[in-house]
Amino acid sequence: MKVKLSRVFLFLFLSVSSWAVWGQGVRDLRINEVLVKNDSNYIDQYGVHSGWFEVFNTGYATADIGGCYVTNDINNPRKYRIPKGDPRTRIASRTYALFYAYNSTDRGIFHVNFSLDEVGFLALFDQSGKELLDSVSYDINTQIPDVSFGKMENEPLSTAKWQVLEEPTPEAINYTKVEKTRGEKYSETDPSGWILTATTMSIVFLMLTLLALIFTGSGKWFQRRENKGKDPVQTGQKAEATPVVLPTEDSDIIAIATALHLYFNDEHEVEQTGFWLKRQLNEQPAWASKNLLFKQLPNRK
């Protein structure tokens, strides 16, 4: 019984987990760009100029759009069901899927059964056909041929707004404005590089000066803290000398008297501080003996 219950709980857990992962992937899909009137713009594989719209996977995991619904009628959310099982419906992270809208479903799964110039509305529903993933409303009469409108991918989804694009970008990022890098902007203001060099050198010297002051001040502070309460002689500092005042008169008499007192009253041994080598005339030192210069001959038997 316990084994069966564990299997049931495991099955439910895996089902719920897979459903959550799938649901999160589908919920990352957004309508990203729409071109209503196409006179000379992007054409499909059949050479037809038609309106088209683009779905973008905003998430960081692959999302399968197969089984979801797209429609131009809010009262009919299941107007066109995107077939399942085709590997092309799996939209990778941060990539796009392009759909053609000229009411021709016999030309592939990415050709829907309605046109964008019929009603100024487009919506994307999940596989149940009940949860609205994304939608956009527009005025058909104000649409300019070969001019699309879309969202900027570099803006948060909560604040991204639909806007007319400078040029259509099917299956590509909508933000086509070329921005200058910081280096390019700086090179325009300082083409020779003198300002950058002077600024860099000033910062370097300022930091070196600051470090020198910090290390010097901290060293003196630690030294004062270590020497606090110690003898000035031990710390290597100069102690205040106590002046000795000698009498200016009779100084020679005092010195002679002190010497005589030490000579007669102090008991001390007189030590010899030197030695002499005295050579006897009739004796030769060992190092000068000629007998030691001869080698002893071997004994012959």
C-alpha atoms as a PDB file:
ATOM      1  CA  MET A   1       0.000   0.000   0.000  1.00  0.00           C
ATOM      2  CA  LYS A   2       2.802   2.370   0.899  1.00  0.00           C
ATOM      3  CA  VAL A   3       4.573   1.619  -2.399  1.00  0.00           C
ATOM      4  CA  LYS A   4       1.433   2.461  -4.382  1.00  0.00           C
ATOM      5  CA  LEU A   5       0.940   5.732  -2.510  1.00  0.00           C
ATOM      6  CA  SER A   6       4.546   6.735  -3.075  1.00  0.00           C
ATOM      7  CA  ARG A   7       4.182   6.050  -6.787  1.00  0.00           C
ATOM      8  CA  VAL A   8       0.993   8.107  -6.937  1.00  0.00           C
ATOM      9  CA  PHE A   9       2.634  11.046  -5.147  1.00  0.00           C
ATOM     10  CA  LEU A  10       5.657  10.799  -7.427  1.00  0.00           C
ATOM     11  CA  PHE A  11       3.436  10.806 -10.507  1.00  0.00           C
ATOM     12  CA  LEU A  12       1.499  13.836  -9.248  1.00  0.00           C
ATOM     13  CA  PHE A  13       4.698  15.665  -8.385  1.00  0.00           C
ATOM     14  CA  LEU A  14       6.204  15.072 -11.825  1.00  0.00           C
ATOM     15  CA  SER A  15       2.958  16.058 -13.527  1.00  0.00           C
ATOM     16  CA  VAL A  16       2.635  19.287 -11.579  1.00  0.00           C
ATOM     17  CA  SER A  17       6.324  20.124 -12.098  1.00  0.00           C
ATOM     18  CA  SER A  18       6.170  19.502 -15.843  1.00  0.00           C
ATOM     19  CA  TRP A  19       2.944  21.510 -16.109  1.00  0.00           C
ATOM     20  CA  ALA A  20       4.521  24.401 -14.201  1.00  0.00           C
ATOM     21  CA  VAL A  21       7.614  24.388 -16.417  1.00  0.00           C
ATOM     22  CA  TRP A  22       5.485  24.218 -19.566  1.00  0.00           C
ATOM     23  CA  GLY A  23       3.152  26.916 -18.341  1.00  0.00           C
ATOM     24  CA  GLN A  24       5.983  29.232 -17.425  1.00  0.00           C
ATOM     25  CA  GLY A  25       7.553  28.749 -20.880  1.00  0.00           C
ATOM     26  CA  VAL A  26       4.284  29.523 -22.704  1.00  0.00           C
ATOM     27  CA  ARG A  27       3.654  32.555 -20.514  1.00  0.00           C
ATOM     28  CA  ASP A  28       6.945  34.024 -21.703  1.00  0.00           C
ATOM     29  CA  LEU A  29       5.618  34.356 -25.268  1.00  0.00           C
ATOM     30  CA  ARG A  30       4.726  37.862 -26.444  1.00  0.00           C
ATOM     31  CA  ILE A  31       3.579  39.488 -29.664  1.00  0.00           C
ATOM     32  CA  ASN A  32       6.626  41.538 -30.548  1.00  0.00           C
ATOM     33  CA  GLU A  33       6.099  43.211 -33.943  1.00  0.00           C
ATOM     34  CA  VAL A  34       3.249  43.687 -36.433  1.00  0.00           C
ATOM     35  CA  LEU A  35       3.244  44.815 -40.063  1.00  0.00           C
ATOM     36  CA  VAL A  36      -0.294  45.357 -41.353  1.00  0.00           C
ATOM     37  CA  LYS A  37       0.269  46.661 -44.889  1.00  0.00           C
ATOM     38  CA  ASN A  38       3.054  45.089 -46.899  1.00  0.00           C
ATOM     39  CA  ASP A  39       3.651  46.509 -50.356  1.00  0.00           C
ATOM     40  CA  SER A  40       7.377  45.921 -50.901  1.00  0.00           C
ATOM     41  CA  ASN A  41       8.632  44.555 -47.611  1.00  0.00           C
ATOM     42  CA  TYR A  42       9.341  41.042 -46.382  1.00  0.00           C
ATOM     43  CA  ILE A  43       7.952  38.207 -48.492  1.00  0.00           C
ATOM     44  CA  ASP A  44       7.234  34.593 -47.554  1.00  0.00           C
ATOM     45  CA  GLN A  45       8.647  31.470 -49.211  1.00  0.00           C
ATOM     46  CA  TYR A  46       5.938  31.713 -51.866  1.00  0.00           C
ATOM     47  CA  GLY A  47       6.957  35.221 -52.905  1.00  0.00           C
ATOM     48  CA  VAL A  48       3.854  36.861 -51.441  1.00  0.00           C
ATOM     49  CA  HIS A  49       3.863  40.322 -49.850  1.00  0.00           C
ATOM     50  CA  SER A  50       1.498  40.025 -46.922  1.00  0.00           C
ATOM     51  CA  GLY A  51       0.975  41.282 -43.442  1.00  0.00           C
ATOM     52  CA  TRP A  52       2.902  39.444 -40.769  1.00  0.00           C
ATOM     53  CA  PHE A  53       3.393  39.398 -37.023  1.00  0.00           C
ATOM     54  CA  GLU A  54       6.197  38.173 -34.819  1.00  0.00           C
ATOM     55  CA  VAL A  55       6.107  36.250 -31.533  1.00  0.00           C
ATOM     56  CA  PHE A  56       9.070  36.642 -29.175  1.00  0.00           C
ATOM     57  CA  ASN A  57      10.163  34.295 -26.379  1.00  0.00           C
ATOM     58  CA  THR A  58      11.078  36.671 -23.579  1.00  0.00           C
ATOM     59  CA  GLY A  59      12.164  33.884 -21.228  1.00  0.00           C
ATOM     60  CA  TYR A  60      15.429  32.037 -20.834  1.00  0.00           C
ATOM     61  CA  ALA A  61      14.075  28.573 -21.622  1.00  0.00           C
ATOM     62  CA  THR A  62      12.662  27.058 -24.798  1.00  0.00           C
ATOM     63  CA  ALA A  63       8.892  27.545 -25.158  1.00  0.00           C
ATOM     64  CA  ASP A  64       6.682  25.456 -27.459  1.00  0.00           C
ATOM     65  CA  ILE A  65       4.020  27.562 -29.122  1.00  0.00           C
ATOM     66  CA  GLY A  66       2.447  24.465 -30.661  1.00  0.00           C
ATOM     67  CA  GLY A  67      -1.174  24.070 -29.567  1.00  0.00           C
ATOM     68  CA  CYS A  68      -1.597  27.776 -28.750  1.00  0.00           C
ATOM     69  CA  TYR A  69      -4.120  30.004 -30.528  1.00  0.00           C
ATOM     70  CA  VAL A  70      -3.876  33.293 -32.420  1.00  0.00           C
ATOM     71  CA  THR A  71      -6.895  35.329 -33.423  1.00  0.00           C
ATOM     72  CA  ASN A  72      -8.079  38.728 -34.618  1.00  0.00           C
ATOM     73  CA  ASP A  73     -11.449  38.316 -32.857  1.00  0.00           C
ATOM     74  CA  ILE A  74     -11.628  38.553 -29.086  1.00  0.00           C
ATOM     75  CA  ASN A  75     -14.952  36.706 -29.173  1.00  0.00           C
ATOM     76  CA  ASN A  76     -13.331  33.790 -30.997  1.00  0.00           C
ATOM     77  CA  PRO A  77     -10.067  33.094 -29.150  1.00  0.00           C
ATOM     78  CA  ARG A  78      -9.587  29.713 -30.907  1.00  0.00           C
ATOM     79  CA  LYS A  79      -9.733  31.031 -34.438  1.00  0.00           C
ATOM     80  CA  TYR A  80      -6.404  29.580 -35.512  1.00  0.00           C
ATOM     81  CA  ARG A  81      -4.714  26.752 -33.644  1.00  0.00           C
ATOM     82  CA  ILE A  82      -0.982  26.415 -34.214  1.00  0.00           C
ATOM     83  CA  PRO A  83      -0.337  22.729 -34.973  1.00  0.00           C
ATOM     84  CA  LYS A  84       1.679  20.704 -32.491  1.00  0.00           C
ATOM     85  CA  GLY A  85       4.520  18.310 -33.146  1.00  0.00           C
ATOM     86  CA  ASP A  86       6.490  20.490 -35.547  1.00  0.00           C
ATOM     87  CA  PRO A  87      10.020  21.214 -34.232  1.00  0.00           C
ATOM     88  CA  ARG A  88       9.777  24.730 -35.636  1.00  0.00           C
ATOM     89  CA  THR A  89       7.160  25.635 -33.037  1.00  0.00           C
ATOM     90  CA  ARG A  90       9.780  25.281 -30.294  1.00  0.00           C
ATOM     91  CA  ILE A  91      10.996  28.849 -29.845  1.00  0.00           C
ATOM     92  CA  ALA A  92      14.402  29.024 -28.212  1.00  0.00           C
ATOM     93  CA  SER A  93      15.256  31.538 -25.528  1.00  0.00           C
ATOM     94  CA  ARG A  94      15.226  35.158 -26.733  1.00  0.00           C
ATOM     95  CA  THR A  95      14.340  34.196 -30.312  1.00  0.00           C
ATOM     96  CA  TYR A  96      11.386  34.741 -32.646  1.00  0.00           C
ATOM     97  CA  ALA A  97       8.679  32.995 -34.672  1.00  0.00           C
ATOM     98  CA  LEU A  98       7.202  34.759 -37.721  1.00  0.00           C
ATOM     99  CA  PHE A  99       3.596  34.263 -38.871  1.00  0.00           C
ATOM    100  CA  TYR A 100       2.073  35.381 -42.202  1.00  0.00           C
ATOM    101  CA  ALA A 101      -1.478  36.680 -42.173  1.00  0.00           C
ATOM    102  CA  TYR A 102      -3.250  36.587 -45.538  1.00  0.00           C
ATOM    103  CA  ASN A 103      -5.863  33.894 -44.886  1.00  0.00           C
ATOM    104  CA  SER A 104      -4.026  31.017 -46.517  1.00  0.00           C
ATOM    105  CA  THR A 105      -3.599  28.041 -44.173  1.00  0.00           C
ATOM    106  CA  ASP A 106      -2.658  25.600 -46.935  1.00  0.00           C
ATOM    107  CA  ARG A 107       0.865  27.032 -47.142  1.00  0.00           C
ATOM    108  CA  GLY A 108       2.181  25.886 -43.784  1.00  0.00           C
ATOM    109  CA  ILE A 109       1.610  26.073 -40.081  1.00  0.00           C
ATOM    110  CA  PHE A 110       2.909  29.633 -39.911  1.00  0.00           C
ATOM    111  CA  HIS A 111       0.200  30.931 -42.280  1.00  0.00           C
ATOM    112  CA  VAL A 112      -2.893  31.893 -40.283  1.00  0.00           C
ATOM    113  CA  ASN A 113      -6.519  31.948 -41.474  1.00  0.00           C
ATOM    114  CA  PHE A 114      -7.088  35.690 -41.180  1.00  0.00           C
ATOM    115  CA  SER A 115      -5.634  38.990 -42.347  1.00  0.00           C
ATOM    116  CA  LEU A 116      -4.332  41.835 -40.243  1.00  0.00           C
ATOM    117  CA  ASP A 117      -6.141  44.545 -42.231  1.00  0.00           C
ATOM    118  CA  GLU A 118      -9.593  43.143 -41.456  1.00  0.00           C
ATOM    119  CA  VAL A 119      -9.869  44.095 -37.770  1.00  0.00           C
ATOM    120  CA  GLY A 120      -7.425  46.180 -35.794  1.00  0.00           C
ATOM    121  CA  PHE A 121      -6.833  43.517 -33.188  1.00  0.00           C
ATOM    122  CA  LEU A 122      -4.451  40.593 -32.642  1.00  0.00           C
ATOM    123  CA  ALA A 123      -4.255  38.219 -29.671  1.00  0.00           C
ATOM    124  CA  LEU A 124      -2.295  35.156 -28.519  1.00  0.00           C
ATOM    125  CA  PHE A 125      -3.919  32.527 -26.251  1.00  0.00           C
ATOM    126  CA  ASP A 126      -2.478  29.492 -24.508  1.00  0.00           C
ATOM    127  CA  GLN A 127      -3.293  25.871 -25.402  1.00  0.00           C
ATOM    128  CA  SER A 128      -6.536  25.955 -23.473  1.00  0.00           C
ATOM    129  CA  GLY A 129      -7.764  28.928 -25.471  1.00  0.00           C
ATOM    130  CA  LYS A 130      -8.803  30.631 -22.243  1.00  0.00           C
ATOM    131  CA  GLU A 131      -5.693  32.391 -20.924  1.00  0.00           C
ATOM    132  CA  LEU A 132      -4.720  35.502 -22.851  1.00  0.00           C
ATOM    133  CA  LEU A 133      -0.933  35.663 -23.199  1.00  0.00           C
ATOM    134  CA  ASP A 134      -0.682  38.936 -25.125  1.00  0.00           C
ATOM    135  CA  SER A 135      -2.728  41.212 -27.376  1.00  0.00           C
ATOM    136  CA  VAL A 136      -2.508  44.479 -29.308  1.00  0.00           C
ATOM    137  CA  SER A 137      -5.053  46.854 -30.799  1.00  0.00           C
ATOM    138  CA  TYR A 138      -4.326  49.246 -33.664  1.00  0.00           C
ATOM    139  CA  ASP A 139      -6.074  51.539 -36.133  1.00  0.00           C
ATOM    140  CA  ILE A 140      -6.166  50.093 -39.631  1.00  0.00           C
ATOM    141  CA  ASN A 141      -6.701  53.462 -41.316  1.00  0.00           C
ATOM    142  CA  THR A 142      -3.524  54.984 -39.871  1.00  0.00           C
ATOM    143  CA  GLN A 143      -1.215  52.144 -40.928  1.00  0.00           C
ATOM    144  CA  ILE A 144       1.512  53.167 -43.363  1.00  0.00           C
ATOM    145  CA  PRO A 145       2.638  50.643 -45.994  1.00  0.00           C
ATOM    146  CA  ASP A 146       5.901  48.863 -45.143  1.00  0.00           C
ATOM    147  CA  VAL A 147       6.016  50.466 -41.692  1.00  0.00           C
ATOM    148  CA  SER A 148       5.704  48.183 -38.678  1.00  0.00           C
ATOM    149  CA  PHE A 149       5.164  48.802 -34.992  1.00  0.00           C
ATOM    150  CA  GLY A 150       6.489  46.801 -32.062  1.00  0.00           C
ATOM    151  CA  LYS A 151       8.055  46.677 -28.613  1.00  0.00           C
ATOM    152  CA  MET A 152      11.629  47.300 -27.637  1.00  0.00           C
ATOM    153  CA  GLU A 153      13.250  44.172 -26.166  1.00  0.00           C
ATOM    154  CA  ASN A 154      15.635  46.272 -24.077  1.00  0.00           C
ATOM    155  CA  GLU A 155      12.702  47.637 -22.041  1.00  0.00           C
ATOM    156  CA  PRO A 156      10.972  45.788 -19.180  1.00  0.00           C
ATOM    157  CA  LEU A 157       7.778  43.996 -20.163  1.00  0.00           C
ATOM    158  CA  SER A 158       5.784  45.912 -17.583  1.00  0.00           C
ATOM    159  CA  THR A 159       6.721  49.297 -19.074  1.00  0.00           C
ATOM    160  CA  ALA A 160       7.326  48.413 -22.750  1.00  0.00           C
ATOM    161  CA  LYS A 161       5.011  50.323 -25.084  1.00  0.00           C
ATOM    162  CA  TRP A 162       4.070  49.793 -28.691  1.00  0.00           C
ATOM    163  CA  GLN A 163       5.743  52.271 -31.007  1.00  0.00           C
ATOM    164  CA  VAL A 164       6.394  52.778 -34.683  1.00  0.00           C
ATOM    165  CA  LEU A 165       9.754  51.331 -35.693  1.00  0.00           C
ATOM    166  CA  GLU A 166      12.287  53.046 -37.908  1.00  0.00           C
ATOM    167  CA  GLU A 167      12.327  49.978 -40.163  1.00  0.00           C
ATOM    168  CA  PRO A 168      10.713  46.538 -40.067  1.00  0.00           C
ATOM    169  CA  THR A 169      12.818  43.854 -38.380  1.00  0.00           C
ATOM    170  CA  PRO A 170      11.204  40.431 -38.935  1.00  0.00           C
ATOM    171  CA  GLU A 171      12.853  37.701 -36.856  1.00  0.00           C
ATOM    172  CA  ALA A 172      15.304  40.241 -35.433  1.00  0.00           C
ATOM    173  CA  ILE A 173      15.617  42.653 -32.558  1.00  0.00           C
ATOM    174  CA  ASN A 174      13.422  45.730 -32.922  1.00  0.00           C
ATOM    175  CA  TYR A 175      15.923  48.175 -31.507  1.00  0.00           C
ATOM    176  CA  THR A 176      17.910  49.211 -34.593  1.00  0.00           C
ATOM    177  CA  LYS A 177      19.149  52.598 -33.430  1.00  0.00           C
ATOM    178  CA  VAL A 178      22.923  52.781 -33.509  1.00  0.00           C
ATOM    179  CA  GLU A 179      24.241  54.175 -30.273  1.00  0.00           C
ATOM    180  CA  LYS A 180      27.757  55.385 -29.828  1.00  0.00           C
ATOM    181  CA  THR A 181      29.835  53.696 -27.198  1.00  0.00           C
ATOM    182  CA  ARG A 182      31.381  55.624 -24.330  1.00  0.00           C
ATOM    183  CA  GLY A 183      34.768  55.368 -25.991  1.00  0.00           C
ATOM    184  CA  GLU A 184      33.461  56.786 -29.254  1.00  0.00           C
ATOM    185  CA  LYS A 185      31.817  59.698 -27.450  1.00  0.00           C
ATOM    186  CA  TYR A 186      35.002  60.445 -25.542  1.00  0.00           C
ATOM    187  CA  SER A 187      37.124  60.298 -28.691  1.00  0.00           C
ATOM    188  CA  GLU A 188      34.952  63.002 -30.219  1.00  0.00           C
ATOM    189  CA  THR A 189      35.512  65.385 -27.315  1.00  0.00           C
ATOM    190  CA  ASP A 190      39.191  64.485 -26.887  1.00  0.00           C
ATOM    191  CA  PRO A 191      40.598  63.330 -30.245  1.00  0.00           C
ATOM    192  CA  SER A 192      44.258  63.747 -29.254  1.00  0.00           C
ATOM    193  CA  GLY A 193      43.870  62.053 -25.879  1.00  0.00           C
ATOM    194  CA  TRP A 194      45.554  64.802 -23.823  1.00  0.00           C
ATOM    195  CA  ILE A 195      42.587  65.256 -21.511  1.00  0.00           C
ATOM    196  CA  LEU A 196      42.419  61.539 -20.823  1.00  0.00           C
ATOM    197  CA  THR A 197      46.180  61.364 -20.185  1.00  0.00           C
ATOM    198  CA  ALA A 198      46.176  64.375 -17.858  1.00  0.00           C
ATOM    199  CA  THR A 199      43.155  63.072 -15.982  1.00  0.00           C
ATOM    200  CA  THR A 200      44.655  59.613 -15.589  1.00  0.00           C
ATOM    201  CA  MET A 201      48.042  60.910 -14.394  1.00  0.00           C
ATOM    202  CA  SER A 202      46.383  63.310 -11.957  1.00  0.00           C
ATOM    203  CA  ILE A 203      44.356  60.491 -10.460  1.00  0.00           C
ATOM    204  CA  VAL A 204      47.456  58.293 -10.167  1.00  0.00           C
ATOM    205  CA  PHE A 205      49.543  60.972  -8.428  1.00  0.00           C
ATOM    206  CA  LEU A 206      46.657  61.905  -6.166  1.00  0.00           C
ATOM    207  CA  MET A 207      46.206  58.305  -5.090  1.00  0.00           C
ATOM    208  CA  LEU A 208      49.942  57.842  -4.506  1.00  0.00           C
ATOM    209  CA  THR A 209      50.066  61.009  -2.386  1.00  0.00           C
ATOM    210  CA  LEU A 210      47.051  59.872  -0.420  1.00  0.00           C
ATOM    211  CA  LEU A 211      48.584  56.445   0.189  1.00  0.00           C
ATOM    212  CA  ALA A 212      51.880  58.002   1.302  1.00  0.00           C
ATOM    213  CA  LEU A 213      50.083  60.219   3.814  1.00  0.00           C
ATOM    214  CA  ILE A 214      48.047  57.304   5.104  1.00  0.00           C
ATOM    215  CA  PHE A 215      51.059  55.010   5.588  1.00  0.00           C
ATOM    216  CA  THR A 216      53.177  57.758   7.154  1.00  0.00           C
ATOM    217  CA  GLY A 217      50.484  58.819   9.592  1.00  0.00           C
ATOM    218  CA  SER A 218      49.545  55.261  10.525  1.00  0.00           C
ATOM    219  CA  GLY A 219      53.213  54.350  11.097  1.00  0.00           C
ATOM    220  CA  LYS A 220      53.749  57.252  13.463  1.00  0.00           C
ATOM    221  CA  TRP A 221      50.520  56.497  15.282  1.00  0.00           C
ATOM    222  CA  PHE A 222      51.452  52.830  15.820  1.00  0.00           C
ATOM    223  CA  GLN A 223      54.949  53.832  16.954  1.00  0.00           C
ATOM    224  CA  ARG A 224      53.601  56.280  19.533  1.00  0.00           C
ATOM    225  CA  ARG A 225      51.143  53.692  20.731  1.00  0.00           C
ATOM    226  CA  GLU A 226      53.870  51.061  21.121  1.00  0.00           C
ATOM    227  CA  ASN A 227      56.318  53.376  22.915  1.00  0.00           C
ATOM    228  CA  LYS A 228      53.717  54.743  25.283  1.00  0.00           C
ATOM    229  CA  GLY A 229      54.805  54.150  28.914  1.00  0.00           C
ATOM    230  CA  LYS A 230      58.270  52.770  28.070  1.00  0.00           C
ATOM    231  CA  ASP A 231      61.715  54.030  29.122  1.00  0.00           C
ATOM    232  CA  PRO A 232      63.035  56.597  26.633  1.00  0.00           C
ATOM    233  CA  VAL A 233      66.373  54.728  26.574  1.00  0.00           C
ATOM    234  CA  GLN A 234      64.637  51.497  25.464  1.00  0.00           C
ATOM    235  CA  THR A 235      62.606  53.213  22.809  1.00  0.00           C
ATOM    236  CA  GLY A 236      65.689  54.850  21.317  1.00  0.00           C
ATOM    237  CA  GLN A 237      64.557  58.346  22.177  1.00  0.00           C
ATOM    238  CA  LYS A 238      66.919  60.947  23.529  1.00  0.00           C
ATOM    239  CA  ALA A 239      66.559  61.285  27.264  1.00  0.00           C
ATOM    240  CA  GLU A 240      66.873  64.661  28.849  1.00  0.00           C
ATOM    241  CA  ALA A 241      70.436  64.924  30.176  1.00  0.00           C
ATOM    242  CA  THR A 242      70.923  66.141  33.718  1.00  0.00           C
ATOM    243  CA  PRO A 243      73.592  68.806  33.672  1.00  0.00           C
ATOM    244  CA  VAL A 244      76.619  68.157  35.934  1.00  0.00           C
ATOM    245  CA  VAL A 245      78.056  71.316  37.431  1.00  0.00           C
ATOM    246  CA  LEU A 246      81.740  71.056  38.226  1.00  0.00           C
ATOM    247  CA  PRO A 247      83.477  73.551  40.400  1.00  0.00           C
ATOM    248  CA  THR A 248      85.506  75.963  38.402  1.00  0.00           C
ATOM    249  CA  GLU A 249      88.046  76.533  41.216  1.00  0.00           C
ATOM    250  CA  ASP A 250      90.421  73.939  42.727  1.00  0.00           C
ATOM    251  CA  SER A 251      89.341  71.284  40.149  1.00  0.00           C
ATOM    252  CA  ASP A 252      92.932  70.046  39.754  1.00  0.00           C
ATOM    253  CA  ILE A 253      93.322  69.614  43.519  1.00  0.00           C
ATOM    254  CA  ILE A 254      90.083  67.585  43.708  1.00  0.00           C
ATOM    255  CA  ALA A 255      91.209  65.301  40.878  1.00  0.00           C
ATOM    256  CA  ILE A 256      94.647  64.643  42.459  1.00  0.00           C
ATOM    257  CA  ALA A 257      93.098  63.961  45.847  1.00  0.00           C
ATOM    258  CA  THR A 258      90.628  61.482  44.382  1.00  0.00           C
ATOM    259  CA  ALA A 259      93.425  59.630  42.580  1.00  0.00           C
ATOM    260  CA  LEU A 260      95.588  59.395  45.723  1.00  0.00           C
ATOM    261  CA  HIS A 261      92.640  58.175  47.757  1.00  0.00           C
ATOM    262  CA  LEU A 262      91.915  55.394  45.306  1.00  0.00           C
ATOM    263  CA  TYR A 263      95.598  54.383  45.154  1.00  0.00           C
ATOM    264  CA  PHE A 264      96.189  54.081  48.905  1.00  0.00           C
ATOM    265  CA  ASN A 265      92.828  52.917  50.190  1.00  0.00           C
ATOM    266  CA  ASP A 266      91.373  50.656  47.491  1.00  0.00           C
ATOM    267  CA  GLU A 267      92.506  47.054  47.619  1.00  0.00           C
ATOM    268  CA  HIS A 268      93.022  45.690  44.143  1.00  0.00           C
ATOM    269  CA  GLU A 269      95.447  43.448  42.380  1.00  0.00           C
ATOM    270  CA  VAL A 270      97.823  44.757  39.850  1.00  0.00           C
ATOM    271  CA  GLU A 271      97.264  42.763  36.694  1.00  0.00           C
ATOM    272  CA  GLN A 272      99.823  42.281  34.009  1.00  0.00           C
ATOM    273  CA  THR A 273      98.412  43.513  30.773  1.00  0.00           C
ATOM    274  CA  GLY A 274     101.202  42.239  28.513  1.00  0.00           C
ATOM    275  CA  PHE A 275     103.618  39.353  27.876  1.00  0.00           C
ATOM    276  CA  TRP A 276     107.034  39.028  26.230  1.00  0.00           C
ATOM    277  CA  LEU A 277     108.925  36.303  24.406  1.00  0.00           C
ATOM    278  CA  LYS A 278     112.468  35.867  25.679  1.00  0.00           C
ATOM    279  CA  ARG A 279     114.774  33.761  23.540  1.00  0.00           C
ATOM    280  CA  GLN A 280     117.683  31.924  25.131  1.00  0.00           C
ATOM    281  CA  LEU A 281     120.862  32.297  23.224  1.00  0.00           C
ATOM    282  CA  ASN A 282     122.065  28.695  23.570  1.00  0.00           C
ATOM    283  CA  GLU A 283     118.784  27.074  22.758  1.00  0.00           C
ATOM    284  CA  GLN A 284     117.079  26.797  19.425  1.00  0.00           C
ATOM    285  CA  PRO A 285     113.336  26.827  19.166  1.00  0.00           C
ATOM    286  CA  ALA A 286     111.599  23.746  17.900  1.00  0.00           C
ATOM    287  CA  TRP A 287     110.584  25.347  14.642  1.00  0.00           C
ATOM    288  CA  ALA A 288     114.257  26.154  13.881  1.00  0.00           C
ATOM    289  CA  SER A 289     115.690  22.708  14.748  1.00  0.00           C
ATOM    290  CA  LYS A 290     117.465  21.124  11.774  1.00  0.00           C
ATOM    291  CA  ASN A 291     116.848  17.632  13.126  1.00  0.00           C
ATOM    292  CA  LEU A 292     113.176  17.974  12.416  1.00  0.00           C
ATOM    293  CA  LEU A 293     113.857  18.799   8.798  1.00  0.00           C
ATOM    294  CA  PHE A 294     115.242  15.321   7.987  1.00  0.00           C
ATOM    295  CA  LYS A 295     112.946  12.439   7.146  1.00  0.00           C
ATOM    296  CA  GLN A 296     113.388   9.175   8.965  1.00  0.00           C
ATOM    297  CA  LEU A 297     114.799   6.501   6.692  1.00  0.00           C
ATOM    298  CA  PRO A 298     113.042   3.151   6.599  1.00  0.00           C
ATOM    299  CA  ASN A 299     114.662   0.253   8.466  1.00  0.00           C
ATOM    300  CA  ARG A 300     116.350  -2.296   6.233  1.00  0.00           C
ATOM    301  CA  LYS A 301     116.315  -5.896   7.208  1.00  0.00           C
END
